[in-house]
Protein backbone atom coordinates (compact mmCIF):
# COMPACT_ATOMS: atom_id res chain seq x y z
CA MET A 1 5.47 0.54 -17.07
CA ILE A 2 1.79 -0.13 -17.64
CA ASP A 3 -0.13 2.65 -19.37
CA ASN A 4 -3.39 4.04 -18.01
CA THR A 5 -5.67 2.30 -20.47
CA GLU A 6 -4.38 -1.09 -19.35
CA ILE A 7 -4.88 -0.11 -15.73
CA LEU A 8 -8.45 0.95 -16.46
CA LYS A 9 -9.14 -2.34 -18.22
CA LEU A 10 -7.87 -4.24 -15.18
CA LEU A 11 -9.88 -2.07 -12.80
CA SER A 12 -13.09 -2.68 -14.70
CA LYS A 13 -12.68 -6.40 -14.01
CA LEU A 14 -12.43 -5.91 -10.26
CA SER A 15 -15.37 -6.14 -7.90
CA ASP A 16 -16.23 -3.14 -5.73
CA GLU A 17 -14.72 -4.87 -2.73
CA GLN A 18 -11.45 -5.43 -4.56
CA LYS A 19 -11.40 -1.80 -5.65
CA ASP A 20 -11.80 -0.67 -2.06
CA VAL A 21 -8.87 -2.84 -1.00
CA LEU A 22 -6.74 -1.52 -3.85
CA ILE A 23 -7.60 2.10 -3.10
CA ASP A 24 -6.72 1.54 0.55
CA PHE A 25 -3.40 0.08 -0.49
CA LEU A 26 -2.61 2.96 -2.83
CA ARG A 27 -3.45 5.50 -0.12
CA GLN A 28 -0.99 3.80 2.21
CA LEU A 29 1.68 3.95 -0.47
CA GLN A 30 1.14 7.69 -0.89
CA MET A 31 1.32 8.45 2.82
CA PRO A 32 4.36 10.46 3.95
CA GLN A 33 7.36 8.29 4.73
CA GLU A 34 7.51 9.59 8.30
CA THR A 35 4.24 7.93 9.27
CA VAL A 36 5.41 4.64 7.76
CA ASN A 37 8.73 4.73 9.60
CA SER A 38 7.15 5.44 12.97
CA GLN A 39 5.28 2.13 13.06
């Protein structure tokens, strides 16, 4: 498991566009399973 400081270091290297994509991806991961299964 990566600790938070390593994650922050990686994030600081990303462009704003890459951050947006990553945030979008994380939001999808955190969505309730029901919405994922219904697709």
